[in-house]
Protein backbone atom coordinates (compact mmCIF):
# COMPACT_ATOMS: atom_id res chain seq x y z
CA UNK A 1 -0.11 -14.73 -74.26
CA UNK A 2 2.71 -16.88 -73.05
CA UNK A 3 1.46 -19.20 -70.28
CA UNK A 4 4.41 -18.34 -68.06
CA UNK A 5 3.53 -14.65 -68.35
CA UNK A 6 -0.09 -15.39 -67.37
CA UNK A 7 1.04 -17.16 -64.22
CA UNK A 8 3.37 -14.30 -63.33
CA UNK A 9 0.54 -11.74 -63.73
CA UNK A 10 -1.81 -13.85 -61.62
CA UNK A 11 0.75 -14.05 -58.83
CA UNK A 12 1.30 -10.30 -59.01
CA UNK A 13 -2.40 -9.33 -58.69
CA UNK A 14 -3.58 -12.08 -56.34
CA UNK A 15 -2.31 -10.36 -53.14
CA UNK A 16 -4.03 -7.13 -54.20
CA UNK A 17 -7.35 -8.91 -54.71
CA UNK A 18 -7.10 -10.86 -51.47
CA UNK A 19 -6.03 -7.75 -49.58
CA UNK A 20 -8.97 -5.78 -50.95
CA UNK A 21 -11.35 -8.59 -49.95
CA UNK A 22 -10.07 -8.60 -46.37
CA UNK A 23 -10.12 -4.82 -46.24
CA UNK A 24 -13.75 -4.84 -47.36
CA UNK A 25 -14.61 -7.40 -44.66
CA UNK A 26 -12.77 -5.33 -42.06
CA UNK A 27 -14.64 -2.20 -43.09
CA UNK A 28 -17.96 -4.05 -42.82
CA UNK A 29 -17.03 -5.20 -39.32
CA UNK A 30 -16.02 -1.68 -38.32
CA UNK A 31 -19.34 -0.36 -39.57
CA UNK A 32 -21.21 -3.01 -37.61
CA UNK A 33 -19.11 -2.14 -34.56
CA UNK A 34 -20.32 1.43 -34.72
CA UNK A 35 -23.91 0.19 -34.58
CA UNK A 36 -23.56 -2.63 -32.07
CA UNK A 37 -21.12 -2.43 -29.20
CA UNK A 38 -19.24 -5.70 -28.65
CA UNK A 39 -16.85 -4.77 -25.85
CA UNK A 40 -15.47 -1.90 -23.81
CA UNK A 41 -12.81 -1.43 -21.14
CA UNK A 42 -13.23 -0.21 -17.57
CA UNK A 43 -10.41 0.91 -15.28
CA UNK A 44 -10.28 1.85 -11.62
CA UNK A 45 -7.76 4.63 -11.02
CA UNK A 46 -6.00 2.88 -8.16
CA UNK A 47 -4.10 4.68 -5.45
CA UNK A 48 -6.29 7.77 -5.72
CA UNK A 49 -5.26 10.18 -2.93
CA UNK A 50 -7.59 11.34 -0.18
CA UNK A 51 -9.38 14.55 -1.11
CA UNK A 52 -9.68 17.62 1.09
CA UNK A 53 -11.40 20.99 0.80
CA UNK A 54 -10.22 23.05 -2.16
CA UNK A 55 -8.49 20.20 -4.00
CA UNK A 56 -8.49 20.16 -7.79
CA UNK A 57 -10.32 16.86 -8.37
CA UNK A 58 -9.90 17.06 -12.15
CA UNK A 59 -6.15 17.62 -11.75
CA UNK A 60 -5.93 14.61 -9.45
CA UNK A 61 -7.83 12.53 -12.02
CA UNK A 62 -5.37 13.47 -14.78
CA UNK A 63 -2.44 12.64 -12.49
CA UNK A 64 -4.06 9.30 -11.57
CA UNK A 65 -4.46 8.41 -15.26
CA UNK A 66 -0.72 8.82 -15.67
CA UNK A 67 0.15 6.90 -12.52
CA UNK A 68 -2.07 4.01 -13.68
CA UNK A 69 -0.41 3.89 -17.11
CA UNK A 70 -3.41 5.32 -18.97
CA UNK A 71 -3.91 8.23 -21.33
CA UNK A 72 -6.87 10.61 -21.33
CA UNK A 73 -8.56 10.14 -24.71
CA UNK A 74 -11.51 11.68 -26.53
CA UNK A 75 -14.65 9.75 -25.67
CA UNK A 76 -13.58 8.55 -22.22
CA UNK A 77 -16.43 8.47 -19.70
CA UNK A 78 -15.22 9.21 -16.17
CA UNK A 79 -17.41 8.26 -13.20
CA UNK A 80 -16.56 10.17 -10.03
CA UNK A 81 -17.84 9.24 -6.57
CA UNK A 82 -19.94 12.01 -5.07
CA UNK A 83 -18.02 11.83 -1.80
CA UNK A 84 -14.74 13.21 -3.20
CA UNK A 85 -16.58 15.96 -5.08
CA UNK A 86 -18.38 17.02 -1.89
CA UNK A 87 -15.18 16.99 0.14
CA UNK A 88 -13.41 19.18 -2.42
CA UNK A 89 -16.37 21.59 -2.39
CA UNK A 90 -16.33 21.88 1.43
CA UNK A 91 -19.64 20.08 1.90
CA UNK A 92 -18.60 18.39 5.15
CA UNK A 93 -20.58 19.40 8.25
CA UNK A 94 -20.12 18.75 11.97
CA UNK A 95 -23.31 18.06 13.91
CA UNK A 96 -22.13 19.91 17.03
CA UNK A 97 -22.98 23.29 15.53
CA UNK A 98 -26.48 22.32 14.32
CA UNK A 99 -29.48 23.64 16.29
CA UNK A 100 -32.55 21.46 15.64
CA UNK A 101 -35.90 23.07 14.85
CA UNK A 102 -39.24 21.99 16.30
CA UNK A 103 -40.01 20.06 13.11
CA UNK A 104 -36.66 18.29 13.34
CA UNK A 105 -37.36 17.25 16.93
CA UNK A 106 -40.76 15.89 15.92
CA UNK A 107 -39.36 13.88 13.02
CA UNK A 108 -36.50 12.66 15.20
CA UNK A 109 -39.10 11.18 17.55
CA UNK A 110 -40.74 9.32 14.64
CA UNK A 111 -37.52 8.05 13.08
CA UNK A 112 -35.31 7.49 16.12
CA UNK A 113 -32.60 9.63 14.53
CA UNK A 114 -30.64 12.44 16.13
CA UNK A 115 -32.55 15.79 16.09
CA UNK A 116 -29.38 17.52 14.85
CA UNK A 117 -29.03 15.03 12.00
CA UNK A 118 -32.71 15.42 11.06
CA UNK A 119 -32.28 19.20 11.03
CA UNK A 120 -29.35 18.76 8.64
CA UNK A 121 -31.55 16.65 6.38
CA UNK A 122 -34.38 19.22 6.47
CA UNK A 123 -32.01 21.98 5.37
CA UNK A 124 -31.28 19.94 2.23
CA UNK A 125 -34.91 18.94 1.65
CA UNK A 126 -37.73 20.22 -0.54
CA UNK A 127 -40.37 17.94 0.96
CA UNK A 128 -40.58 14.97 3.31
CA UNK A 129 -42.16 11.93 1.64
CA UNK A 130 -42.07 9.35 4.44
CA UNK A 131 -40.97 9.38 8.08
CA UNK A 132 -41.03 6.14 10.10
CA UNK A 133 -38.70 4.17 12.35
CA UNK A 134 -35.14 4.48 10.94
CA UNK A 135 -36.44 5.94 7.65
CA UNK A 136 -36.57 9.55 6.48
CA UNK A 137 -37.37 9.56 2.78
CA UNK A 138 -37.29 12.99 1.12
CA UNK A 139 -37.19 14.82 -2.16
CA UNK A 140 -34.10 16.96 -1.78
CA UNK A 141 -33.68 20.49 -3.10
CA UNK A 142 -32.03 19.15 -6.28
CA UNK A 143 -35.07 16.98 -7.06
CA UNK A 144 -33.48 13.68 -6.03
CA UNK A 145 -35.68 11.27 -4.05
CA UNK A 146 -33.49 9.55 -1.48
CA UNK A 147 -33.02 8.51 2.12
CA UNK A 148 -31.86 11.35 4.42
CA UNK A 149 -31.18 13.70 1.46
CA UNK A 150 -28.14 11.61 0.57
CA UNK A 151 -26.30 12.68 3.74
CA UNK A 152 -24.02 10.10 5.36
CA UNK A 153 -20.76 9.67 7.26
CA UNK A 154 -19.18 6.69 5.50
CA UNK A 155 -15.56 7.28 4.51
CA UNK A 156 -15.49 10.55 6.46
CA UNK A 157 -12.77 11.10 9.04
CA UNK A 158 -13.76 12.31 12.53
CA UNK A 159 -16.71 11.85 14.88
CA UNK A 160 -19.98 13.60 14.16
CA UNK A 161 -18.95 14.68 10.66
CA UNK A 162 -21.28 14.16 7.71
CA UNK A 163 -20.99 14.78 3.98
CA UNK A 164 -23.74 16.59 2.06
CA UNK A 165 -24.35 16.17 -1.64
CA UNK A 166 -22.80 18.81 -3.91
CA UNK A 167 -24.92 21.96 -4.19
CA UNK A 168 -25.43 21.27 -7.90
CA UNK A 169 -23.94 17.94 -9.10
CA UNK A 170 -24.43 18.86 -12.77
CA UNK A 171 -22.32 21.99 -12.27
CA UNK A 172 -19.72 19.90 -10.42
CA UNK A 173 -19.58 17.41 -13.30
CA UNK A 174 -19.34 20.21 -15.87
CA UNK A 175 -16.57 21.97 -13.96
CA UNK A 176 -14.59 18.71 -13.78
CA UNK A 177 -15.08 17.98 -17.49
CA UNK A 178 -13.98 21.44 -18.61
CA UNK A 179 -10.95 21.37 -16.32
CA UNK A 180 -9.87 18.00 -17.76
CA UNK A 181 -10.24 19.45 -21.26
CA UNK A 182 -8.15 22.44 -20.20
CA UNK A 183 -5.40 20.16 -18.88
CA UNK A 184 -5.41 17.57 -21.68
CA UNK A 185 -7.24 19.08 -24.68
CA UNK A 186 -9.39 15.95 -24.72
CA UNK A 187 -13.18 15.79 -24.72
CA UNK A 188 -14.45 13.42 -22.05
CA UNK A 189 -17.76 12.87 -20.31
CA UNK A 190 -18.12 13.08 -16.53
CA UNK A 191 -20.73 11.41 -14.33
CA UNK A 192 -20.97 12.15 -10.60
CA UNK A 193 -22.46 9.10 -8.90
CA UNK A 194 -23.95 8.08 -5.56
CA UNK A 195 -25.52 4.92 -4.16
CA UNK A 196 -29.26 4.69 -3.48
CA UNK A 197 -31.93 2.18 -2.52
CA UNK A 198 -34.55 1.18 -5.12
CA UNK A 199 -38.31 0.63 -4.81
CA UNK A 200 -39.44 -3.00 -4.48
CA UNK A 201 -35.89 -4.42 -4.23
CA UNK A 202 -33.33 -5.00 -1.51
CA UNK A 203 -29.86 -3.58 -1.80
CA UNK A 204 -28.42 -0.39 -3.23
CA UNK A 205 -27.19 0.57 -6.69
CA UNK A 206 -24.96 3.35 -7.94
CA UNK A 207 -26.87 6.06 -9.83
CA UNK A 208 -25.86 9.18 -11.75
CA UNK A 209 -26.62 12.37 -9.79
CA UNK A 210 -24.68 14.79 -12.00
CA UNK A 211 -23.82 14.59 -15.70
CA UNK A 212 -21.79 16.58 -18.19
CA UNK A 213 -20.77 15.73 -21.75
CA UNK A 214 -22.73 12.46 -21.98
CA UNK A 215 -26.16 11.89 -23.47
CA UNK A 216 -28.54 10.74 -20.76
CA UNK A 217 -30.49 8.22 -22.83
CA UNK A 218 -30.11 5.76 -25.65
CA UNK A 219 -33.48 6.11 -27.32
CA UNK A 220 -34.86 3.10 -29.20
CA UNK A 221 -38.35 4.54 -29.68
CA UNK A 222 -39.45 4.37 -33.30
CA UNK A 223 -36.85 1.71 -34.14
CA UNK A 224 -37.66 -1.93 -34.94
CA UNK A 225 -36.82 -5.05 -32.98
CA UNK A 226 -35.63 -8.39 -34.40
CA UNK A 227 -39.09 -9.20 -35.74
CA UNK A 228 -40.00 -5.80 -37.14
CA UNK A 229 -42.10 -4.58 -34.20
CA UNK A 230 -41.78 -0.83 -33.63
CA UNK A 231 -40.46 -0.02 -30.15
CA UNK A 232 -42.66 2.51 -28.36
CA UNK A 233 -41.30 3.08 -24.85
CA UNK A 234 -37.72 1.75 -24.78
CA UNK A 235 -35.55 4.69 -23.73
CA UNK A 236 -32.53 3.38 -21.81
CA UNK A 237 -31.01 5.56 -19.07
CA UNK A 238 -27.42 4.97 -20.15
CA UNK A 239 -25.85 7.23 -17.52
CA UNK A 240 -27.41 5.18 -14.71
CA UNK A 241 -26.21 1.95 -16.35
CA UNK A 242 -22.67 3.33 -16.54
CA UNK A 243 -22.80 4.49 -12.92
CA UNK A 244 -24.02 1.07 -11.78
CA UNK A 245 -21.26 -0.70 -13.70
CA UNK A 246 -18.67 1.65 -12.21
CA UNK A 247 -19.60 0.58 -8.69
CA UNK A 248 -18.31 -2.93 -9.38
CA UNK A 249 -14.79 -1.47 -9.30
CA UNK A 250 -15.45 1.56 -7.12
CA UNK A 251 -16.71 -0.33 -4.06
CA UNK A 252 -18.02 1.14 -0.81
CA UNK A 253 -15.41 0.17 1.77
CA UNK A 254 -11.61 0.32 1.74
CA UNK A 255 -11.09 0.03 -2.03
CA UNK A 256 -9.92 3.65 -2.44
CA UNK A 257 -11.12 3.74 -6.05
CA UNK A 258 -13.47 6.73 -6.27
CA UNK A 259 -12.81 7.34 -9.99
CA UNK A 260 -13.63 4.83 -12.72
CA UNK A 261 -12.77 5.26 -16.41
CA UNK A 262 -14.75 3.75 -19.31
CA UNK A 263 -13.08 3.48 -22.71
CA UNK A 264 -14.64 2.31 -25.95
CA UNK A 265 -18.32 2.86 -25.17
CA UNK A 266 -18.72 4.64 -28.49
CA UNK A 267 -22.32 5.08 -29.62
CA UNK A 268 -23.62 3.46 -26.43
CA UNK A 269 -22.80 6.71 -24.63
CA UNK A 270 -22.82 9.44 -27.25
CA UNK A 271 -20.79 12.50 -26.34
CA UNK A 272 -22.39 15.93 -26.28
CA UNK A 273 -21.31 19.35 -25.10
CA UNK A 274 -23.53 19.45 -22.03
CA UNK A 275 -26.33 17.50 -20.41
CA UNK A 276 -28.14 17.70 -17.08
CA UNK A 277 -29.77 15.17 -14.81
CA UNK A 278 -33.09 17.04 -14.94
CA UNK A 279 -33.83 15.02 -18.07
CA UNK A 280 -34.18 11.92 -15.88
CA UNK A 281 -36.74 13.38 -13.49
CA UNK A 282 -40.40 12.55 -14.08
CA UNK A 283 -43.57 14.36 -13.09
CA UNK A 284 -46.12 13.00 -10.63
CA UNK A 285 -48.40 12.29 -13.59
CA UNK A 286 -45.74 10.17 -15.32
CA UNK A 287 -44.78 8.21 -12.18
CA UNK A 288 -46.21 4.70 -12.55
CA UNK A 289 -45.39 3.62 -9.00
CA UNK A 290 -46.35 6.56 -6.82
CA UNK A 291 -50.05 5.73 -6.56
CA UNK A 292 -49.28 2.03 -6.01
CA UNK A 293 -47.46 2.70 -2.74
């Protein structure tokens, strides 16, 4: 073959070979990316309007996406502050109309809290776990263990007005998710979150209290670590991790950012049709800390 022709053929096929090599490398990286998350994006939907009874929270979320220059996409995880869900569901109560029971008056004496407020807590409570000065720790009727059944008055307009948790936060999350799908034809996950204290540590952290469309756990049990050891108990509560991360942008004061959007979580937060927070609850027999207190 003429040497000039050989050079011409080499120059013709070289880009194809190089391109294939880089495509193969890119495909390998994409495959690794599906297994190991390297980054994701989090957005606060700024300028979210105040919510009142009867408002369509999902509709407001879709509008806020648009106003913040974002698009609703399949796989988005949306964390919604419990307070706006409760307000929309008319879960705001005024203490003036509450008549305290004898039990409420007794517990009020122990805790130093208002008898009317304690009565409100008891109406939301399955059992009282601890009552002492300034503390009323309960298991509420949803199964959540929290101070004062999660009732508070922060970010509530008017004197003597308190916000209760949603009747069923999982149902609230599911209703929001399905409404967003109706409006956008996109499949998202929704987490309703609230802030709670933790055993053995100061400070509060945002936790999931209602979930829809997101797998609760990332289960490593049965898989191997870096050195080939089989993991036996590692079952990460992903929805709580997402809720905690959301609070960094959500805030607790004047931020006005009650809705946080996660994009690009991928396999870290696998999507599913429906999930409920009951999966997170443990029995008395499983609780490692109860008998230590």
